[in-house]
Amino acid sequence: MITDAWEGLDSFFDLQSELRVVASAEDVEAALGIDDDELQSMAARSRQRTLDEHTGLVRARQLLQYMEAARSGAGASIKKEVAQ
């Protein structure tokens, strides 16, 4: 995966092993020049991270946890976690 930089990106992916952040055409060329085995490995890690942490099912479970925590009065600690 190749992407531009944006705030919070590192909370979704490991910027060294799961994707390449680029700022110029030269950066894109360099990223595309990475060895095929390494690109496949990066793609597999990115895919697995997405499936483990960023699917609709995972997000729905998180929402239910937040709602339950808020209902039980633990909402303050959840807000701290989300802010980080």
PDB file of N, CA and C in Angstrom:
ATOM      1  N   MET A   1       0.845  -1.176   0.000  1.00  0.00           N
ATOM      2  CA  MET A   1       0.000   0.000   0.000  1.00  0.00           C
ATOM      3  C   MET A   1       0.889   1.236   0.000  1.00  0.00           C
ATOM      4  N   ILE A   2       0.519   2.173  -0.811  1.00  0.00           N
ATOM      5  CA  ILE A   2       1.194   3.463  -0.888  1.00  0.00           C
ATOM      6  C   ILE A   2       0.171   4.527  -0.528  1.00  0.00           C
ATOM      7  N   THR A   3       0.575   5.470   0.323  1.00  0.00           N
ATOM      8  CA  THR A   3      -0.342   6.515   0.757  1.00  0.00           C
ATOM      9  C   THR A   3       0.418   7.798   1.023  1.00  0.00           C
ATOM     10  N   ASP A   4      -0.317   8.884   1.084  1.00  0.00           N
ATOM     11  CA  ASP A   4       0.283  10.129   1.550  1.00  0.00           C
ATOM     12  C   ASP A   4       0.161  10.153   3.068  1.00  0.00           C
ATOM     13  N   ALA A   5       0.864  11.065   3.695  1.00  0.00           N
ATOM     14  CA  ALA A   5       0.841  11.164   5.152  1.00  0.00           C
ATOM     15  C   ALA A   5      -0.425  11.874   5.604  1.00  0.00           C
ATOM     16  N   TRP A   6      -0.993  11.416   6.691  1.00  0.00           N
ATOM     17  CA  TRP A   6      -2.106  12.108   7.324  1.00  0.00           C
ATOM     18  C   TRP A   6      -2.105  11.786   8.809  1.00  0.00           C
ATOM     19  N   GLU A   7      -2.588  12.744   9.587  1.00  0.00           N
ATOM     20  CA  GLU A   7      -2.569  12.615  11.036  1.00  0.00           C
ATOM     21  C   GLU A   7      -3.365  11.392  11.469  1.00  0.00           C
ATOM     22  N   GLY A   8      -2.744  10.576  12.294  1.00  0.00           N
ATOM     23  CA  GLY A   8      -3.414   9.390  12.814  1.00  0.00           C
ATOM     24  C   GLY A   8      -3.155   8.124  12.019  1.00  0.00           C
ATOM     25  N   LEU A   9      -2.497   8.242  10.877  1.00  0.00           N
ATOM     26  CA  LEU A   9      -2.236   7.068  10.045  1.00  0.00           C
ATOM     27  C   LEU A   9      -1.519   5.980  10.836  1.00  0.00           C
ATOM     28  N   ASP A  10      -0.597   6.391  11.682  1.00  0.00           N
ATOM     29  CA  ASP A  10       0.167   5.419  12.462  1.00  0.00           C
ATOM     30  C   ASP A  10      -0.667   4.708  13.521  1.00  0.00           C
ATOM     31  N   SER A  11      -1.882   5.175  13.763  1.00  0.00           N
ATOM     32  CA  SER A  11      -2.766   4.453  14.680  1.00  0.00           C
ATOM     33  C   SER A  11      -3.515   3.329  13.957  1.00  0.00           C
ATOM     34  N   PHE A  12      -3.456   3.336  12.639  1.00  0.00           N
ATOM     35  CA  PHE A  12      -4.096   2.282  11.848  1.00  0.00           C
ATOM     36  C   PHE A  12      -3.097   1.248  11.354  1.00  0.00           C
ATOM     37  N   PHE A  13      -1.919   1.693  10.957  1.00  0.00           N
ATOM     38  CA  PHE A  13      -0.922   0.802  10.364  1.00  0.00           C
ATOM     39  C   PHE A  13       0.463   1.097  10.908  1.00  0.00           C
ATOM     40  N   ASP A  14       1.332   0.096  10.844  1.00  0.00           N
ATOM     41  CA  ASP A  14       2.739   0.284  11.134  1.00  0.00           C
ATOM     42  C   ASP A  14       3.364   0.900   9.886  1.00  0.00           C
ATOM     43  N   LEU A  15       3.894   2.098  10.011  1.00  0.00           N
ATOM     44  CA  LEU A  15       4.378   2.844   8.847  1.00  0.00           C
ATOM     45  C   LEU A  15       5.664   2.287   8.263  1.00  0.00           C
ATOM     46  N   GLN A  16       6.312   1.381   8.959  1.00  0.00           N
ATOM     47  CA  GLN A  16       7.544   0.797   8.444  1.00  0.00           C
ATOM     48  C   GLN A  16       7.312  -0.545   7.756  1.00  0.00           C
ATOM     49  N   SER A  17       6.414  -1.341   8.299  1.00  0.00           N
ATOM     50  CA  SER A  17       6.298  -2.707   7.789  1.00  0.00           C
ATOM     51  C   SER A  17       5.009  -3.001   7.027  1.00  0.00           C
ATOM     52  N   GLU A  18       4.015  -2.098   7.088  1.00  0.00           N
ATOM     53  CA  GLU A  18       2.723  -2.414   6.478  1.00  0.00           C
ATOM     54  C   GLU A  18       2.350  -1.529   5.295  1.00  0.00           C
ATOM     55  N   LEU A  19       3.020  -0.423   5.122  1.00  0.00           N
ATOM     56  CA  LEU A  19       2.740   0.435   3.977  1.00  0.00           C
ATOM     57  C   LEU A  19       3.873   1.414   3.759  1.00  0.00           C
ATOM     58  N   ARG A  20       3.821   2.133   2.671  1.00  0.00           N
ATOM     59  CA  ARG A  20       4.822   3.161   2.369  1.00  0.00           C
ATOM     60  C   ARG A  20       4.130   4.507   2.273  1.00  0.00           C
ATOM     61  N   VAL A  21       4.630   5.457   3.043  1.00  0.00           N
ATOM     62  CA  VAL A  21       4.123   6.823   3.013  1.00  0.00           C
ATOM     63  C   VAL A  21       5.003   7.599   2.039  1.00  0.00           C
ATOM     64  N   VAL A  22       4.374   8.274   1.090  1.00  0.00           N
ATOM     65  CA  VAL A  22       5.108   8.996   0.057  1.00  0.00           C
ATOM     66  C   VAL A  22       4.700  10.460   0.044  1.00  0.00           C
ATOM     67  N   ALA A  23       5.638  11.304  -0.422  1.00  0.00           N
ATOM     68  CA  ALA A  23       5.371  12.737  -0.514  1.00  0.00           C
ATOM     69  C   ALA A  23       5.681  13.285  -1.900  1.00  0.00           C
ATOM     70  N   SER A  24       6.278  12.440  -2.761  1.00  0.00           N
ATOM     71  CA  SER A  24       6.666  12.931  -4.086  1.00  0.00           C
ATOM     72  C   SER A  24       6.623  11.782  -5.088  1.00  0.00           C
ATOM     73  N   ALA A  25       6.755  12.142  -6.351  1.00  0.00           N
ATOM     74  CA  ALA A  25       6.795  11.125  -7.406  1.00  0.00           C
ATOM     75  C   ALA A  25       8.000  10.212  -7.211  1.00  0.00           C
ATOM     76  N   GLU A  26       9.096  10.771  -6.744  1.00  0.00           N
ATOM     77  CA  GLU A  26      10.293   9.971  -6.495  1.00  0.00           C
ATOM     78  C   GLU A  26      10.053   8.941  -5.401  1.00  0.00           C
ATOM     79  N   ASP A  27       9.300   9.343  -4.366  1.00  0.00           N
ATOM     80  CA  ASP A  27       8.956   8.410  -3.294  1.00  0.00           C
ATOM     81  C   ASP A  27       8.108   7.250  -3.827  1.00  0.00           C
ATOM     82  N   VAL A  28       7.192   7.573  -4.723  1.00  0.00           N
ATOM     83  CA  VAL A  28       6.345   6.535  -5.325  1.00  0.00           C
ATOM     84  C   VAL A  28       7.211   5.579  -6.141  1.00  0.00           C
ATOM     85  N   GLU A  29       8.098   6.125  -6.944  1.00  0.00           N
ATOM     86  CA  GLU A  29       9.000   5.290  -7.741  1.00  0.00           C
ATOM     87  C   GLU A  29       9.822   4.375  -6.840  1.00  0.00           C
ATOM     88  N   ALA A  30      10.342   4.915  -5.754  1.00  0.00           N
ATOM     89  CA  ALA A  30      11.141   4.110  -4.824  1.00  0.00           C
ATOM     90  C   ALA A  30      10.292   3.000  -4.200  1.00  0.00           C
ATOM     91  N   ALA A  31       9.068   3.336  -3.825  1.00  0.00           N
ATOM     92  CA  ALA A  31       8.174   2.338  -3.227  1.00  0.00           C
ATOM     93  C   ALA A  31       7.852   1.226  -4.222  1.00  0.00           C
ATOM     94  N   LEU A  32       7.647   1.605  -5.479  1.00  0.00           N
ATOM     95  CA  LEU A  32       7.344   0.602  -6.502  1.00  0.00           C
ATOM     96  C   LEU A  32       8.560  -0.245  -6.857  1.00  0.00           C
ATOM     97  N   GLY A  33       9.726   0.244  -6.505  1.00  0.00           N
ATOM     98  CA  GLY A  33      10.950  -0.492  -6.788  1.00  0.00           C
ATOM     99  C   GLY A  33      11.346  -1.487  -5.713  1.00  0.00           C
ATOM    100  N   ILE A  34      10.552  -1.574  -4.659  1.00  0.00           N
ATOM    101  CA  ILE A  34      10.850  -2.530  -3.593  1.00  0.00           C
ATOM    102  C   ILE A  34      10.704  -3.948  -4.140  1.00  0.00           C
ATOM    103  N   ASP A  35      11.543  -4.827  -3.655  1.00  0.00           N
ATOM    104  CA  ASP A  35      11.536  -6.231  -4.056  1.00  0.00           C
ATOM    105  C   ASP A  35      10.131  -6.832  -3.942  1.00  0.00           C
ATOM    106  N   ASP A  36       9.753  -7.638  -4.931  1.00  0.00           N
ATOM    107  CA  ASP A  36       8.415  -8.232  -4.957  1.00  0.00           C
ATOM    108  C   ASP A  36       8.091  -9.030  -3.697  1.00  0.00           C
ATOM    109  N   ASP A  37       9.062  -9.765  -3.175  1.00  0.00           N
ATOM    110  CA  ASP A  37       8.817 -10.537  -1.959  1.00  0.00           C
ATOM    111  C   ASP A  37       8.481  -9.625  -0.783  1.00  0.00           C
ATOM    112  N   GLU A  38       9.212  -8.520  -0.664  1.00  0.00           N
ATOM    113  CA  GLU A  38       8.934  -7.570   0.407  1.00  0.00           C
ATOM    114  C   GLU A  38       7.569  -6.908   0.214  1.00  0.00           C
ATOM    115  N   LEU A  39       7.225  -6.559  -1.024  1.00  0.00           N
ATOM    116  CA  LEU A  39       5.908  -5.969  -1.296  1.00  0.00           C
ATOM    117  C   LEU A  39       4.792  -6.934  -0.922  1.00  0.00           C
ATOM    118  N   GLN A  40       4.958  -8.198  -1.259  1.00  0.00           N
ATOM    119  CA  GLN A  40       3.942  -9.199  -0.917  1.00  0.00           C
ATOM    120  C   GLN A  40       3.830  -9.369   0.595  1.00  0.00           C
ATOM    121  N   SER A  41       4.965  -9.333   1.273  1.00  0.00           N
ATOM    122  CA  SER A  41       4.968  -9.443   2.724  1.00  0.00           C
ATOM    123  C   SER A  41       4.265  -8.241   3.361  1.00  0.00           C
ATOM    124  N   MET A  42       4.564  -7.038   2.860  1.00  0.00           N
ATOM    125  CA  MET A  42       3.903  -5.826   3.358  1.00  0.00           C
ATOM    126  C   MET A  42       2.405  -5.902   3.128  1.00  0.00           C
ATOM    127  N   ALA A  43       2.020  -6.342   1.935  1.00  0.00           N
ATOM    128  CA  ALA A  43       0.597  -6.439   1.611  1.00  0.00           C
ATOM    129  C   ALA A  43      -0.109  -7.423   2.536  1.00  0.00           C
ATOM    130  N   ALA A  44       0.537  -8.534   2.822  1.00  0.00           N
ATOM    131  CA  ALA A  44      -0.059  -9.527   3.723  1.00  0.00           C
ATOM    132  C   ALA A  44      -0.221  -8.954   5.129  1.00  0.00           C
ATOM    133  N   ARG A  45       0.786  -8.237   5.619  1.00  0.00           N
ATOM    134  CA  ARG A  45       0.692  -7.630   6.950  1.00  0.00           C
ATOM    135  C   ARG A  45      -0.407  -6.568   6.993  1.00  0.00           C
ATOM    136  N   SER A  46      -0.486  -5.749   5.951  1.00  0.00           N
ATOM    137  CA  SER A  46      -1.531  -4.711   5.897  1.00  0.00           C
ATOM    138  C   SER A  46      -2.917  -5.337   5.879  1.00  0.00           C
ATOM    139  N   ARG A  47      -3.062  -6.366   5.080  1.00  0.00           N
ATOM    140  CA  ARG A  47      -4.357  -7.056   4.978  1.00  0.00           C
ATOM    141  C   ARG A  47      -4.746  -7.645   6.327  1.00  0.00           C
ATOM    142  N   GLN A  48      -3.804  -8.324   6.968  1.00  0.00           N
ATOM    143  CA  GLN A  48      -4.114  -8.949   8.246  1.00  0.00           C
ATOM    144  C   GLN A  48      -4.464  -7.910   9.301  1.00  0.00           C
ATOM    145  N   ARG A  49      -3.740  -6.799   9.340  1.00  0.00           N
ATOM    146  CA  ARG A  49      -4.055  -5.730  10.295  1.00  0.00           C
ATOM    147  C   ARG A  49      -5.470  -5.202  10.042  1.00  0.00           C
ATOM    148  N   THR A  50      -5.810  -5.007   8.772  1.00  0.00           N
ATOM    149  CA  THR A  50      -7.139  -4.513   8.431  1.00  0.00           C
ATOM    150  C   THR A  50      -8.215  -5.488   8.891  1.00  0.00           C
ATOM    151  N   LEU A  51      -8.018  -6.770   8.620  1.00  0.00           N
ATOM    152  CA  LEU A  51      -9.001  -7.768   9.027  1.00  0.00           C
ATOM    153  C   LEU A  51      -9.096  -7.887  10.545  1.00  0.00           C
ATOM    154  N   ASP A  52      -7.971  -7.756  11.237  1.00  0.00           N
ATOM    155  CA  ASP A  52      -7.956  -7.885  12.692  1.00  0.00           C
ATOM    156  C   ASP A  52      -8.532  -6.675  13.412  1.00  0.00           C
ATOM    157  N   GLU A  53      -8.348  -5.481  12.841  1.00  0.00           N
ATOM    158  CA  GLU A  53      -8.654  -4.273  13.606  1.00  0.00           C
ATOM    159  C   GLU A  53      -9.610  -3.277  12.956  1.00  0.00           C
ATOM    160  N   HIS A  54      -9.882  -3.405  11.662  1.00  0.00           N
ATOM    161  CA  HIS A  54     -10.589  -2.311  10.996  1.00  0.00           C
ATOM    162  C   HIS A  54     -11.804  -2.730  10.166  1.00  0.00           C
ATOM    163  N   THR A  55     -12.366  -3.880  10.435  1.00  0.00           N
ATOM    164  CA  THR A  55     -13.565  -4.276   9.695  1.00  0.00           C
ATOM    165  C   THR A  55     -14.809  -3.700  10.369  1.00  0.00           C
ATOM    166  N   GLY A  56     -15.908  -3.744   9.686  1.00  0.00           N
ATOM    167  CA  GLY A  56     -17.164  -3.290  10.259  1.00  0.00           C
ATOM    168  C   GLY A  56     -17.535  -4.070  11.511  1.00  0.00           C
ATOM    169  N   LEU A  57     -17.282  -5.372  11.504  1.00  0.00           N
ATOM    170  CA  LEU A  57     -17.593  -6.205  12.666  1.00  0.00           C
ATOM    171  C   LEU A  57     -16.761  -5.786  13.874  1.00  0.00           C
ATOM    172  N   VAL A  58     -15.485  -5.552  13.667  1.00  0.00           N
ATOM    173  CA  VAL A  58     -14.619  -5.103  14.763  1.00  0.00           C
ATOM    174  C   VAL A  58     -15.101  -3.756  15.288  1.00  0.00           C
ATOM    175  N   ARG A  59     -15.405  -2.834  14.386  1.00  0.00           N
ATOM    176  CA  ARG A  59     -15.869  -1.508  14.815  1.00  0.00           C
ATOM    177  C   ARG A  59     -17.196  -1.597  15.555  1.00  0.00           C
ATOM    178  N   ALA A  60     -18.097  -2.477  15.112  1.00  0.00           N
ATOM    179  CA  ALA A  60     -19.379  -2.643  15.799  1.00  0.00           C
ATOM    180  C   ALA A  60     -19.163  -3.178  17.215  1.00  0.00           C
ATOM    181  N   ARG A  61     -18.251  -4.129  17.370  1.00  0.00           N
ATOM    182  CA  ARG A  61     -17.939  -4.647  18.708  1.00  0.00           C
ATOM    183  C   ARG A  61     -17.368  -3.548  19.595  1.00  0.00           C
ATOM    184  N   GLN A  62     -16.491  -2.718  19.032  1.00  0.00           N
ATOM    185  CA  GLN A  62     -15.931  -1.606  19.807  1.00  0.00           C
ATOM    186  C   GLN A  62     -17.029  -0.652  20.244  1.00  0.00           C
ATOM    187  N   LEU A  63     -17.938  -0.341  19.336  1.00  0.00           N
ATOM    188  CA  LEU A  63     -19.039   0.564  19.667  1.00  0.00           C
ATOM    189  C   LEU A  63     -19.877  -0.010  20.805  1.00  0.00           C
ATOM    190  N   LEU A  64     -20.185  -1.293  20.732  1.00  0.00           N
ATOM    191  CA  LEU A  64     -20.956  -1.923  21.803  1.00  0.00           C
ATOM    192  C   LEU A  64     -20.205  -1.875  23.137  1.00  0.00           C
ATOM    193  N   GLN A  65     -18.886  -2.075  23.089  1.00  0.00           N
ATOM    194  CA  GLN A  65     -18.090  -1.981  24.320  1.00  0.00           C
ATOM    195  C   GLN A  65     -18.142  -0.566  24.893  1.00  0.00           C
ATOM    196  N   TYR A  66     -18.015   0.437  24.027  1.00  0.00           N
ATOM    197  CA  TYR A  66     -18.072   1.823  24.484  1.00  0.00           C
ATOM    198  C   TYR A  66     -19.439   2.144  25.082  1.00  0.00           C
ATOM    199  N   MET A  67     -20.480   1.659  24.431  1.00  0.00           N
ATOM    200  CA  MET A  67     -21.831   1.920  24.929  1.00  0.00           C
ATOM    201  C   MET A  67     -22.048   1.241  26.275  1.00  0.00           C
ATOM    202  N   GLU A  68     -21.590   0.018  26.409  1.00  0.00           N
ATOM    203  CA  GLU A  68     -21.730  -0.696  27.679  1.00  0.00           C
ATOM    204  C   GLU A  68     -20.932   0.006  28.772  1.00  0.00           C
ATOM    205  N   ALA A  69     -19.733   0.455  28.453  1.00  0.00           N
ATOM    206  CA  ALA A  69     -18.911   1.164  29.431  1.00  0.00           C
ATOM    207  C   ALA A  69     -19.584   2.466  29.858  1.00  0.00           C
ATOM    208  N   ALA A  70     -20.163   3.171  28.918  1.00  0.00           N
ATOM    209  CA  ALA A  70     -20.854   4.425  29.240  1.00  0.00           C
ATOM    210  C   ALA A  70     -22.070   4.151  30.121  1.00  0.00           C
ATOM    211  N   ARG A  71     -22.785   3.091  29.794  1.00  0.00           N
ATOM    212  CA  ARG A  71     -23.977   2.719  30.565  1.00  0.00           C
ATOM    213  C   ARG A  71     -23.609   2.330  31.996  1.00  0.00           C
ATOM    214  N   SER A  72     -22.461   1.687  32.156  1.00  0.00           N
ATOM    215  CA  SER A  72     -22.057   1.211  33.476  1.00  0.00           C
ATOM    216  C   SER A  72     -21.280   2.259  34.271  1.00  0.00           C
ATOM    217  N   GLY A  73     -21.067   3.435  33.676  1.00  0.00           N
ATOM    218  CA  GLY A  73     -20.373   4.501  34.388  1.00  0.00           C
ATOM    219  C   GLY A  73     -18.875   4.525  34.171  1.00  0.00           C
ATOM    220  N   ALA A  74     -18.384   3.681  33.284  1.00  0.00           N
ATOM    221  CA  ALA A  74     -16.943   3.648  33.012  1.00  0.00           C
ATOM    222  C   ALA A  74     -16.596   4.515  31.813  1.00  0.00           C
ATOM    223  N   GLY A  75     -17.485   5.368  31.422  1.00  0.00           N
ATOM    224  CA  GLY A  75     -17.296   6.185  30.231  1.00  0.00           C
ATOM    225  C   GLY A  75     -16.070   7.084  30.266  1.00  0.00           C
ATOM    226  N   ALA A  76     -15.679   7.567  31.410  1.00  0.00           N
ATOM    227  CA  ALA A  76     -14.524   8.465  31.496  1.00  0.00           C
ATOM    228  C   ALA A  76     -13.252   7.766  31.063  1.00  0.00           C
ATOM    229  N   SER A  77     -13.069   6.513  31.467  1.00  0.00           N
ATOM    230  CA  SER A  77     -11.846   5.804  31.064  1.00  0.00           C
ATOM    231  C   SER A  77     -11.879   5.484  29.581  1.00  0.00           C
ATOM    232  N   ILE A  78     -13.031   5.213  29.022  1.00  0.00           N
ATOM    233  CA  ILE A  78     -13.155   4.936  27.591  1.00  0.00           C
ATOM    234  C   ILE A  78     -12.809   6.197  26.800  1.00  0.00           C
ATOM    235  N   LYS A  79     -13.265   7.355  27.249  1.00  0.00           N
ATOM    236  CA  LYS A  79     -12.959   8.595  26.541  1.00  0.00           C
ATOM    237  C   LYS A  79     -11.458   8.827  26.487  1.00  0.00           C
ATOM    238  N   LYS A  80     -10.750   8.501  27.554  1.00  0.00           N
ATOM    239  CA  LYS A  80      -9.290   8.650  27.573  1.00  0.00           C
ATOM    240  C   LYS A  80      -8.647   7.730  26.543  1.00  0.00           C
ATOM    241  N   GLU A  81      -9.130   6.480  26.431  1.00  0.00           N
ATOM    242  CA  GLU A  81      -8.583   5.531  25.466  1.00  0.00           C
ATOM    243  C   GLU A  81      -8.800   6.020  24.030  1.00  0.00           C
ATOM    244  N   VAL A  82      -9.986   6.496  23.742  1.00  0.00           N
ATOM    245  CA  VAL A  82     -10.320   6.953  22.396  1.00  0.00           C
ATOM    246  C   VAL A  82      -9.487   8.176  22.036  1.00  0.00           C
ATOM    247  N   ALA A  83      -9.249   9.073  22.981  1.00  0.00           N
ATOM    248  CA  ALA A  83      -8.489  10.278  22.719  1.00  0.00           C
ATOM    249  C   ALA A  83      -7.033   9.973  22.395  1.00  0.00           C
ATOM    250  N   GLN A  84      -6.526   8.888  22.933  1.00  0.00           N
ATOM    251  CA  GLN A  84      -5.134   8.533  22.684  1.00  0.00           C
ATOM    252  C   GLN A  84      -5.052   7.903  21.349  1.00  0.00           C
TER     253      GLN A  84
END
